[in-house]
Amino acid sequence: MRKTLALMAFLAGFPAFPVYADDACFAPMADWQPRAAVLELAKAKGWTVRRIKIDDGCYKIEGRDAEGRPVEALVNPATLDVIGVEQGEDGED
């Protein structure tokens, strides 16, 4: 019986985890910075931008870093905080 209750308590909290991931980019559209500001942020970091798109409520920058390696970054649309960066190796794209 205790195992069942413990399992049910664990599973009750489990669906809440994915919600926290989306909170990082939740902002009303009225608070969003323009794409030009995102482009300036990328240039300041030394990135060459190939594409800026919206992904799960975040701006997603796709491009290359100063060394020519592929880079993808998620950016909060309201604050322009970089939430995560993924860099590839030379030859990847």
PDB file of N, CA and C in Angstrom:
ATOM      1  N   MET A   1       0.819  -1.184   0.000  1.00  0.00           N
ATOM      2  CA  MET A   1       0.000   0.000   0.000  1.00  0.00           C
ATOM      3  C   MET A   1       0.870   1.257   0.000  1.00  0.00           C
ATOM      4  N   ARG A   2       1.938   1.262   0.800  1.00  0.00           N
ATOM      5  CA  ARG A   2       2.817   2.426   0.851  1.00  0.00           C
ATOM      6  C   ARG A   2       3.502   2.655  -0.493  1.00  0.00           C
ATOM      7  N   LYS A   3       3.898   1.562  -1.139  1.00  0.00           N
ATOM      8  CA  LYS A   3       4.546   1.688  -2.439  1.00  0.00           C
ATOM      9  C   LYS A   3       3.589   2.309  -3.449  1.00  0.00           C
ATOM     10  N   THR A   4       2.327   1.899  -3.404  1.00  0.00           N
ATOM     11  CA  THR A   4       1.328   2.441  -4.318  1.00  0.00           C
ATOM     12  C   THR A   4       1.133   3.937  -4.083  1.00  0.00           C
ATOM     13  N   LEU A   5       1.033   4.342  -2.832  1.00  0.00           N
ATOM     14  CA  LEU A   5       0.865   5.759  -2.517  1.00  0.00           C
ATOM     15  C   LEU A   5       2.090   6.573  -2.917  1.00  0.00           C
ATOM     16  N   ALA A   6       3.249   6.015  -2.670  1.00  0.00           N
ATOM     17  CA  ALA A   6       4.479   6.716  -3.047  1.00  0.00           C
ATOM     18  C   ALA A   6       4.568   6.864  -4.564  1.00  0.00           C
ATOM     19  N   LEU A   7       4.220   5.827  -5.290  1.00  0.00           N
ATOM     20  CA  LEU A   7       4.238   5.871  -6.747  1.00  0.00           C
ATOM     21  C   LEU A   7       3.223   6.879  -7.271  1.00  0.00           C
ATOM     22  N   MET A   8       2.035   6.905  -6.689  1.00  0.00           N
ATOM     23  CA  MET A   8       0.999   7.846  -7.121  1.00  0.00           C
ATOM     24  C   MET A   8       1.432   9.288  -6.832  1.00  0.00           C
ATOM     25  N   ALA A   9       2.058   9.509  -5.700  1.00  0.00           N
ATOM     26  CA  ALA A   9       2.532  10.851  -5.364  1.00  0.00           C
ATOM     27  C   ALA A   9       3.625  11.293  -6.338  1.00  0.00           C
ATOM     28  N   PHE A  10       4.503  10.375  -6.677  1.00  0.00           N
ATOM     29  CA  PHE A  10       5.567  10.673  -7.639  1.00  0.00           C
ATOM     30  C   PHE A  10       4.986  11.008  -9.010  1.00  0.00           C
ATOM     31  N   LEU A  11       4.071  10.185  -9.479  1.00  0.00           N
ATOM     32  CA  LEU A  11       3.478  10.385 -10.804  1.00  0.00           C
ATOM     33  C   LEU A  11       2.602  11.638 -10.857  1.00  0.00           C
ATOM     34  N   ALA A  12       2.015  12.032  -9.751  1.00  0.00           N
ATOM     35  CA  ALA A  12       1.182  13.236  -9.729  1.00  0.00           C
ATOM     36  C   ALA A  12       2.027  14.480  -9.997  1.00  0.00           C
ATOM     37  N   GLY A  13       3.248  14.497  -9.544  1.00  0.00           N
ATOM     38  CA  GLY A  13       4.124  15.634  -9.772  1.00  0.00           C
ATOM     39  C   GLY A  13       4.878  15.573 -11.081  1.00  0.00           C
ATOM     40  N   PHE A  14       4.933  14.443 -11.719  1.00  0.00           N
ATOM     41  CA  PHE A  14       5.710  14.242 -12.933  1.00  0.00           C
ATOM     42  C   PHE A  14       5.261  15.105 -14.106  1.00  0.00           C
ATOM     43  N   PRO A  15       3.974  15.213 -14.413  1.00  0.00           N
ATOM     44  CA  PRO A  15       3.574  16.015 -15.569  1.00  0.00           C
ATOM     45  C   PRO A  15       3.914  17.497 -15.439  1.00  0.00           C
ATOM     46  N   ALA A  16       4.219  17.970 -14.279  1.00  0.00           N
ATOM     47  CA  ALA A  16       4.526  19.386 -14.085  1.00  0.00           C
ATOM     48  C   ALA A  16       5.910  19.757 -14.609  1.00  0.00           C
ATOM     49  N   PHE A  17       6.835  18.813 -14.757  1.00  0.00           N
ATOM     50  CA  PHE A  17       8.188  19.136 -15.173  1.00  0.00           C
ATOM     51  C   PHE A  17       8.271  19.810 -16.540  1.00  0.00           C
ATOM     52  N   PRO A  18       7.598  19.355 -17.590  1.00  0.00           N
ATOM     53  CA  PRO A  18       7.712  20.030 -18.885  1.00  0.00           C
ATOM     54  C   PRO A  18       7.207  21.466 -18.861  1.00  0.00           C
ATOM     55  N   VAL A  19       6.315  21.791 -17.990  1.00  0.00           N
ATOM     56  CA  VAL A  19       5.776  23.150 -17.914  1.00  0.00           C
ATOM     57  C   VAL A  19       6.876  24.132 -17.547  1.00  0.00           C
ATOM     58  N   TYR A  20       7.795  23.746 -16.668  1.00  0.00           N
ATOM     59  CA  TYR A  20       8.852  24.649 -16.244  1.00  0.00           C
ATOM     60  C   TYR A  20       9.775  25.026 -17.401  1.00  0.00           C
ATOM     61  N   ALA A  21       9.996  24.142 -18.335  1.00  0.00           N
ATOM     62  CA  ALA A  21      10.867  24.437 -19.473  1.00  0.00           C
ATOM     63  C   ALA A  21      10.301  25.560 -20.321  1.00  0.00           C
ATOM     64  N   ASP A  22       8.990  25.609 -20.503  1.00  0.00           N
ATOM     65  CA  ASP A  22       8.376  26.630 -21.332  1.00  0.00           C
ATOM     66  C   ASP A  22       8.320  27.982 -20.629  1.00  0.00           C
ATOM     67  N   ASP A  23       8.416  28.020 -19.310  1.00  0.00           N
ATOM     68  CA  ASP A  23       8.332  29.275 -18.574  1.00  0.00           C
ATOM     69  C   ASP A  23       9.454  30.233 -18.933  1.00  0.00           C
ATOM     70  N   ALA A  24      10.592  29.719 -19.361  1.00  0.00           N
ATOM     71  CA  ALA A  24      11.731  30.569 -19.663  1.00  0.00           C
ATOM     72  C   ALA A  24      11.431  31.538 -20.796  1.00  0.00           C
ATOM     73  N   CYS A  25      10.540  31.173 -21.691  1.00  0.00           N
ATOM     74  CA  CYS A  25      10.250  32.001 -22.854  1.00  0.00           C
ATOM     75  C   CYS A  25       8.821  32.521 -22.870  1.00  0.00           C
ATOM     76  N   PHE A  26       8.123  32.399 -21.789  1.00  0.00           N
ATOM     77  CA  PHE A  26       6.756  32.903 -21.783  1.00  0.00           C
ATOM     78  C   PHE A  26       6.779  34.408 -21.583  1.00  0.00           C
ATOM     79  N   ALA A  27       6.323  35.128 -22.588  1.00  0.00           N
ATOM     80  CA  ALA A  27       6.213  36.582 -22.498  1.00  0.00           C
ATOM     81  C   ALA A  27       5.121  37.016 -23.461  1.00  0.00           C
ATOM     82  N   PRO A  28       4.297  37.970 -23.053  1.00  0.00           N
ATOM     83  CA  PRO A  28       3.285  38.483 -23.973  1.00  0.00           C
ATOM     84  C   PRO A  28       3.959  39.099 -25.202  1.00  0.00           C
ATOM     85  N   MET A  29       3.343  38.951 -26.359  1.00  0.00           N
ATOM     86  CA  MET A  29       3.917  39.482 -27.597  1.00  0.00           C
ATOM     87  C   MET A  29       4.203  40.979 -27.501  1.00  0.00           C
ATOM     88  N   ALA A  30       3.416  41.700 -26.736  1.00  0.00           N
ATOM     89  CA  ALA A  30       3.620  43.148 -26.593  1.00  0.00           C
ATOM     90  C   ALA A  30       4.959  43.467 -25.936  1.00  0.00           C
ATOM     91  N   ASP A  31       5.531  42.508 -25.186  1.00  0.00           N
ATOM     92  CA  ASP A  31       6.798  42.720 -24.485  1.00  0.00           C
ATOM     93  C   ASP A  31       8.013  42.254 -25.283  1.00  0.00           C
ATOM     94  N   TRP A  32       7.788  41.644 -26.430  1.00  0.00           N
ATOM     95  CA  TRP A  32       8.887  41.094 -27.218  1.00  0.00           C
ATOM     96  C   TRP A  32       9.755  42.194 -27.808  1.00  0.00           C
ATOM     97  N   GLN A  33      11.053  41.942 -27.824  1.00  0.00           N
ATOM     98  CA  GLN A  33      11.998  42.810 -28.517  1.00  0.00           C
ATOM     99  C   GLN A  33      11.928  42.494 -30.018  1.00  0.00           C
ATOM    100  N   PRO A  34      12.216  43.457 -30.884  1.00  0.00           N
ATOM    101  CA  PRO A  34      12.167  43.188 -32.328  1.00  0.00           C
ATOM    102  C   PRO A  34      13.311  42.276 -32.770  1.00  0.00           C
ATOM    103  N   ARG A  35      13.129  41.651 -33.921  1.00  0.00           N
ATOM    104  CA  ARG A  35      14.168  40.764 -34.467  1.00  0.00           C
ATOM    105  C   ARG A  35      15.488  41.513 -34.685  1.00  0.00           C
ATOM    106  N   ALA A  36      15.404  42.804 -34.991  1.00  0.00           N
ATOM    107  CA  ALA A  36      16.628  43.586 -35.179  1.00  0.00           C
ATOM    108  C   ALA A  36      17.470  43.588 -33.901  1.00  0.00           C
ATOM    109  N   ALA A  37      16.831  43.617 -32.749  1.00  0.00           N
ATOM    110  CA  ALA A  37      17.555  43.577 -31.477  1.00  0.00           C
ATOM    111  C   ALA A  37      18.211  42.212 -31.271  1.00  0.00           C
ATOM    112  N   VAL A  38      17.544  41.163 -31.713  1.00  0.00           N
ATOM    113  CA  VAL A  38      18.111  39.811 -31.623  1.00  0.00           C
ATOM    114  C   VAL A  38      19.327  39.706 -32.541  1.00  0.00           C
ATOM    115  N   LEU A  39      19.222  40.289 -33.714  1.00  0.00           N
ATOM    116  CA  LEU A  39      20.338  40.294 -34.658  1.00  0.00           C
ATOM    117  C   LEU A  39      21.538  41.033 -34.071  1.00  0.00           C
ATOM    118  N   GLU A  40      21.298  42.158 -33.426  1.00  0.00           N
ATOM    119  CA  GLU A  40      22.378  42.913 -32.785  1.00  0.00           C
ATOM    120  C   GLU A  40      23.023  42.108 -31.651  1.00  0.00           C
ATOM    121  N   LEU A  41      22.205  41.391 -30.885  1.00  0.00           N
ATOM    122  CA  LEU A  41      22.733  40.530 -29.821  1.00  0.00           C
ATOM    123  C   LEU A  41      23.674  39.483 -30.404  1.00  0.00           C
ATOM    124  N   ALA A  42      23.242  38.849 -31.488  1.00  0.00           N
ATOM    125  CA  ALA A  42      24.064  37.818 -32.128  1.00  0.00           C
ATOM    126  C   ALA A  42      25.373  38.408 -32.652  1.00  0.00           C
ATOM    127  N   LYS A  43      25.296  39.569 -33.283  1.00  0.00           N
ATOM    128  CA  LYS A  43      26.508  40.210 -33.797  1.00  0.00           C
ATOM    129  C   LYS A  43      27.469  40.547 -32.661  1.00  0.00           C
ATOM    130  N   ALA A  44      26.935  41.003 -31.525  1.00  0.00           N
ATOM    131  CA  ALA A  44      27.775  41.331 -30.369  1.00  0.00           C
ATOM    132  C   ALA A  44      28.498  40.103 -29.835  1.00  0.00           C
ATOM    133  N   LYS A  45      27.915  38.925 -30.033  1.00  0.00           N
ATOM    134  CA  LYS A  45      28.534  37.679 -29.577  1.00  0.00           C
ATOM    135  C   LYS A  45      29.462  37.086 -30.643  1.00  0.00           C
ATOM    136  N   GLY A  46      29.548  37.742 -31.788  1.00  0.00           N
ATOM    137  CA  GLY A  46      30.432  37.260 -32.851  1.00  0.00           C
ATOM    138  C   GLY A  46      29.804  36.204 -33.739  1.00  0.00           C
ATOM    139  N   TRP A  47      28.495  36.087 -33.711  1.00  0.00           N
ATOM    140  CA  TRP A  47      27.800  35.084 -34.518  1.00  0.00           C
ATOM    141  C   TRP A  47      27.349  35.689 -35.840  1.00  0.00           C
ATOM    142  N   THR A  48      27.429  34.884 -36.897  1.00  0.00           N
ATOM    143  CA  THR A  48      26.850  35.227 -38.182  1.00  0.00           C
ATOM    144  C   THR A  48      25.497  34.531 -38.238  1.00  0.00           C
ATOM    145  N   VAL A  49      24.434  35.287 -38.424  1.00  0.00           N
ATOM    146  CA  VAL A  49      23.074  34.738 -38.364  1.00  0.00           C
ATOM    147  C   VAL A  49      22.632  34.265 -39.738  1.00  0.00           C
ATOM    148  N   ARG A  50      22.181  33.027 -39.769  1.00  0.00           N
ATOM    149  CA  ARG A  50      21.587  32.473 -40.972  1.00  0.00           C
ATOM    150  C   ARG A  50      20.073  32.600 -40.916  1.00  0.00           C
ATOM    151  N   ARG A  51      19.521  32.433 -39.691  1.00  0.00           N
ATOM    152  CA  ARG A  51      18.066  32.439 -39.540  1.00  0.00           C
ATOM    153  C   ARG A  51      17.699  32.766 -38.098  1.00  0.00           C
ATOM    154  N   ILE A  52      16.642  33.546 -37.945  1.00  0.00           N
ATOM    155  CA  ILE A  52      16.037  33.784 -36.635  1.00  0.00           C
ATOM    156  C   ILE A  52      14.591  33.337 -36.751  1.00  0.00           C
ATOM    157  N   LYS A  53      14.189  32.415 -35.884  1.00  0.00           N
ATOM    158  CA  LYS A  53      12.802  31.952 -35.912  1.00  0.00           C
ATOM    159  C   LYS A  53      12.265  31.865 -34.494  1.00  0.00           C
ATOM    160  N   ILE A  54      10.988  31.605 -34.402  1.00  0.00           N
ATOM    161  CA  ILE A  54      10.333  31.440 -33.107  1.00  0.00           C
ATOM    162  C   ILE A  54      10.179  29.951 -32.843  1.00  0.00           C
ATOM    163  N   ASP A  55      10.634  29.514 -31.660  1.00  0.00           N
ATOM    164  CA  ASP A  55      10.580  28.103 -31.287  1.00  0.00           C
ATOM    165  C   ASP A  55      10.115  28.005 -29.836  1.00  0.00           C
ATOM    166  N   ASP A  56       8.927  27.481 -29.623  1.00  0.00           N
ATOM    167  CA  ASP A  56       8.352  27.317 -28.280  1.00  0.00           C
ATOM    168  C   ASP A  56       8.340  28.620 -27.489  1.00  0.00           C
ATOM    169  N   GLY A  57       8.018  29.700 -28.153  1.00  0.00           N
ATOM    170  CA  GLY A  57       7.925  30.986 -27.479  1.00  0.00           C
ATOM    171  C   GLY A  57       9.239  31.713 -27.316  1.00  0.00           C
ATOM    172  N   CYS A  58      10.332  31.116 -27.778  1.00  0.00           N
ATOM    173  CA  CYS A  58      11.657  31.741 -27.732  1.00  0.00           C
ATOM    174  C   CYS A  58      12.063  32.164 -29.139  1.00  0.00           C
ATOM    175  N   TYR A  59      12.984  33.109 -29.208  1.00  0.00           N
ATOM    176  CA  TYR A  59      13.688  33.326 -30.462  1.00  0.00           C
ATOM    177  C   TYR A  59      14.753  32.240 -30.561  1.00  0.00           C
ATOM    178  N   LYS A  60      14.901  31.660 -31.739  1.00  0.00           N
ATOM    179  CA  LYS A  60      15.959  30.681 -31.971  1.00  0.00           C
ATOM    180  C   LYS A  60      16.862  31.229 -33.064  1.00  0.00           C
ATOM    181  N   ILE A  61      18.131  31.398 -32.726  1.00  0.00           N
ATOM    182  CA  ILE A  61      19.123  31.883 -33.676  1.00  0.00           C
ATOM    183  C   ILE A  61      19.862  30.684 -34.240  1.00  0.00           C
ATOM    184  N   GLU A  62      19.947  30.611 -35.552  1.00  0.00           N
ATOM    185  CA  GLU A  62      20.747  29.585 -36.218  1.00  0.00           C
ATOM    186  C   GLU A  62      21.799  30.305 -37.031  1.00  0.00           C
ATOM    187  N   GLY A  63      23.050  29.895 -36.893  1.00  0.00           N
ATOM    188  CA  GLY A  63      24.115  30.550 -37.634  1.00  0.00           C
ATOM    189  C   GLY A  63      25.449  29.925 -37.360  1.00  0.00           C
ATOM    190  N   ARG A  64      26.483  30.765 -37.370  1.00  0.00           N
ATOM    191  CA  ARG A  64      27.851  30.291 -37.151  1.00  0.00           C
ATOM    192  C   ARG A  64      28.552  31.225 -36.171  1.00  0.00           C
ATOM    193  N   ASP A  65      29.474  30.647 -35.391  1.00  0.00           N
ATOM    194  CA  ASP A  65      30.239  31.471 -34.460  1.00  0.00           C
ATOM    195  C   ASP A  65      31.434  32.078 -35.193  1.00  0.00           C
ATOM    196  N   ALA A  66      32.274  32.791 -34.468  1.00  0.00           N
ATOM    197  CA  ALA A  66      33.407  33.486 -35.071  1.00  0.00           C
ATOM    198  C   ALA A  66      34.409  32.532 -35.726  1.00  0.00           C
ATOM    199  N   GLU A  67      34.454  31.273 -35.267  1.00  0.00           N
ATOM    200  CA  GLU A  67      35.362  30.280 -35.844  1.00  0.00           C
ATOM    201  C   GLU A  67      34.719  29.502 -36.993  1.00  0.00           C
ATOM    202  N   GLY A  68      33.468  29.835 -37.323  1.00  0.00           N
ATOM    203  CA  GLY A  68      32.783  29.175 -38.430  1.00  0.00           C
ATOM    204  C   GLY A  68      32.020  27.919 -38.055  1.00  0.00           C
ATOM    205  N   ARG A  69      31.954  27.609 -36.764  1.00  0.00           N
ATOM    206  CA  ARG A  69      31.215  26.420 -36.327  1.00  0.00           C
ATOM    207  C   ARG A  69      29.728  26.733 -36.240  1.00  0.00           C
ATOM    208  N   PRO A  70      28.873  25.747 -36.526  1.00  0.00           N
ATOM    209  CA  PRO A  70      27.427  25.963 -36.392  1.00  0.00           C
ATOM    210  C   PRO A  70      27.055  26.295 -34.952  1.00  0.00           C
ATOM    211  N   VAL A  71      26.106  27.195 -34.788  1.00  0.00           N
ATOM    212  CA  VAL A  71      25.635  27.570 -33.463  1.00  0.00           C
ATOM    213  C   VAL A  71      24.121  27.743 -33.516  1.00  0.00           C
ATOM    214  N   GLU A  72      23.452  27.274 -32.467  1.00  0.00           N
ATOM    215  CA  GLU A  72      22.021  27.491 -32.276  1.00  0.00           C
ATOM    216  C   GLU A  72      21.851  28.021 -30.860  1.00  0.00           C
ATOM    217  N   ALA A  73      21.057  29.071 -30.725  1.00  0.00           N
ATOM    218  CA  ALA A  73      20.853  29.670 -29.408  1.00  0.00           C
ATOM    219  C   ALA A  73      19.382  29.976 -29.205  1.00  0.00           C
ATOM    220  N   LEU A  74      18.887  29.737 -27.994  1.00  0.00           N
ATOM    221  CA  LEU A  74      17.539  30.139 -27.611  1.00  0.00           C
ATOM    222  C   LEU A  74      17.648  31.417 -26.795  1.00  0.00           C
ATOM    223  N   VAL A  75      16.780  32.373 -27.137  1.00  0.00           N
ATOM    224  CA  VAL A  75      16.834  33.694 -26.514  1.00  0.00           C
ATOM    225  C   VAL A  75      15.448  34.067 -26.011  1.00  0.00           C
ATOM    226  N   ASN A  76      15.385  34.561 -24.773  1.00  0.00           N
ATOM    227  CA  ASN A  76      14.122  35.045 -24.232  1.00  0.00           C
ATOM    228  C   ASN A  76      13.696  36.259 -25.053  1.00  0.00           C
ATOM    229  N   PRO A  77      12.485  36.270 -25.604  1.00  0.00           N
ATOM    230  CA  PRO A  77      12.073  37.344 -26.511  1.00  0.00           C
ATOM    231  C   PRO A  77      11.858  38.692 -25.834  1.00  0.00           C
ATOM    232  N   ALA A  78      11.613  38.711 -24.551  1.00  0.00           N
ATOM    233  CA  ALA A  78      11.363  39.970 -23.850  1.00  0.00           C
ATOM    234  C   ALA A  78      12.646  40.580 -23.292  1.00  0.00           C
ATOM    235  N   THR A  79      13.492  39.741 -22.705  1.00  0.00           N
ATOM    236  CA  THR A  79      14.692  40.234 -22.027  1.00  0.00           C
ATOM    237  C   THR A  79      15.963  40.095 -22.864  1.00  0.00           C
ATOM    238  N   LEU A  80      15.899  39.294 -23.907  1.00  0.00           N
ATOM    239  CA  LEU A  80      17.047  38.953 -24.749  1.00  0.00           C
ATOM    240  C   LEU A  80      18.135  38.221 -23.983  1.00  0.00           C
ATOM    241  N   ASP A  81      17.747  37.553 -22.891  1.00  0.00           N
ATOM    242  CA  ASP A  81      18.681  36.680 -22.177  1.00  0.00           C
ATOM    243  C   ASP A  81      18.881  35.412 -23.000  1.00  0.00           C
ATOM    244  N   VAL A  82      20.122  34.982 -23.155  1.00  0.00           N
ATOM    245  CA  VAL A  82      20.415  33.737 -23.851  1.00  0.00           C
ATOM    246  C   VAL A  82      20.139  32.600 -22.882  1.00  0.00           C
ATOM    247  N   ILE A  83      19.203  31.744 -23.257  1.00  0.00           N
ATOM    248  CA  ILE A  83      18.770  30.651 -22.388  1.00  0.00           C
ATOM    249  C   ILE A  83      19.646  29.419 -22.577  1.00  0.00           C
ATOM    250  N   GLY A  84      20.054  29.176 -23.803  1.00  0.00           N
ATOM    251  CA  GLY A  84      20.888  28.018 -24.078  1.00  0.00           C
ATOM    252  C   GLY A  84      21.575  28.160 -25.426  1.00  0.00           C
ATOM    253  N   VAL A  85      22.764  27.597 -25.524  1.00  0.00           N
ATOM    254  CA  VAL A  85      23.543  27.626 -26.764  1.00  0.00           C
ATOM    255  C   VAL A  85      24.023  26.223 -27.062  1.00  0.00           C
ATOM    256  N   GLU A  86      23.905  25.838 -28.326  1.00  0.00           N
ATOM    257  CA  GLU A  86      24.417  24.547 -28.770  1.00  0.00           C
ATOM    258  C   GLU A  86      25.366  24.814 -29.926  1.00  0.00           C
ATOM    259  N   GLN A  87      26.610  24.393 -29.772  1.00  0.00           N
ATOM    260  CA  GLN A  87      27.599  24.603 -30.819  1.00  0.00           C
ATOM    261  C   GLN A  87      28.009  23.276 -31.400  1.00  0.00           C
ATOM    262  N   GLY A  88      28.144  23.249 -32.702  1.00  0.00           N
ATOM    263  CA  GLY A  88      28.566  22.038 -33.401  1.00  0.00           C
ATOM    264  C   GLY A  88      30.049  22.079 -33.726  1.00  0.00           C
ATOM    265  N   GLU A  89      30.501  21.026 -34.351  1.00  0.00           N
ATOM    266  CA  GLU A  89      31.889  20.938 -34.773  1.00  0.00           C
ATOM    267  C   GLU A  89      31.995  21.390 -36.226  1.00  0.00           C
ATOM    268  N   ASP A  90      33.222  21.674 -36.672  1.00  0.00           N
ATOM    269  CA  ASP A  90      33.435  22.046 -38.064  1.00  0.00           C
ATOM    270  C   ASP A  90      32.904  20.959 -38.979  1.00  0.00           C
ATOM    271  N   GLY A  91      32.266  21.372 -40.065  1.00  0.00           N
ATOM    272  CA  GLY A  91      31.725  20.418 -41.024  1.00  0.00           C
ATOM    273  C   GLY A  91      30.299  20.023 -40.760  1.00  0.00           C
ATOM    274  N   GLU A  92      29.772  20.292 -39.569  1.00  0.00           N
ATOM    275  CA  GLU A  92      28.379  19.988 -39.274  1.00  0.00           C
ATOM    276  C   GLU A  92      27.507  21.155 -39.684  1.00  0.00           C
ATOM    277  N   ASP A  93      26.246  20.883 -39.950  1.00  0.00           N
ATOM    278  CA  ASP A  93      25.293  21.964 -40.221  1.00  0.00           C
ATOM    279  C   ASP A  93      23.891  21.486 -40.070  1.00  0.00           C
TER     280      ASP A  93
END
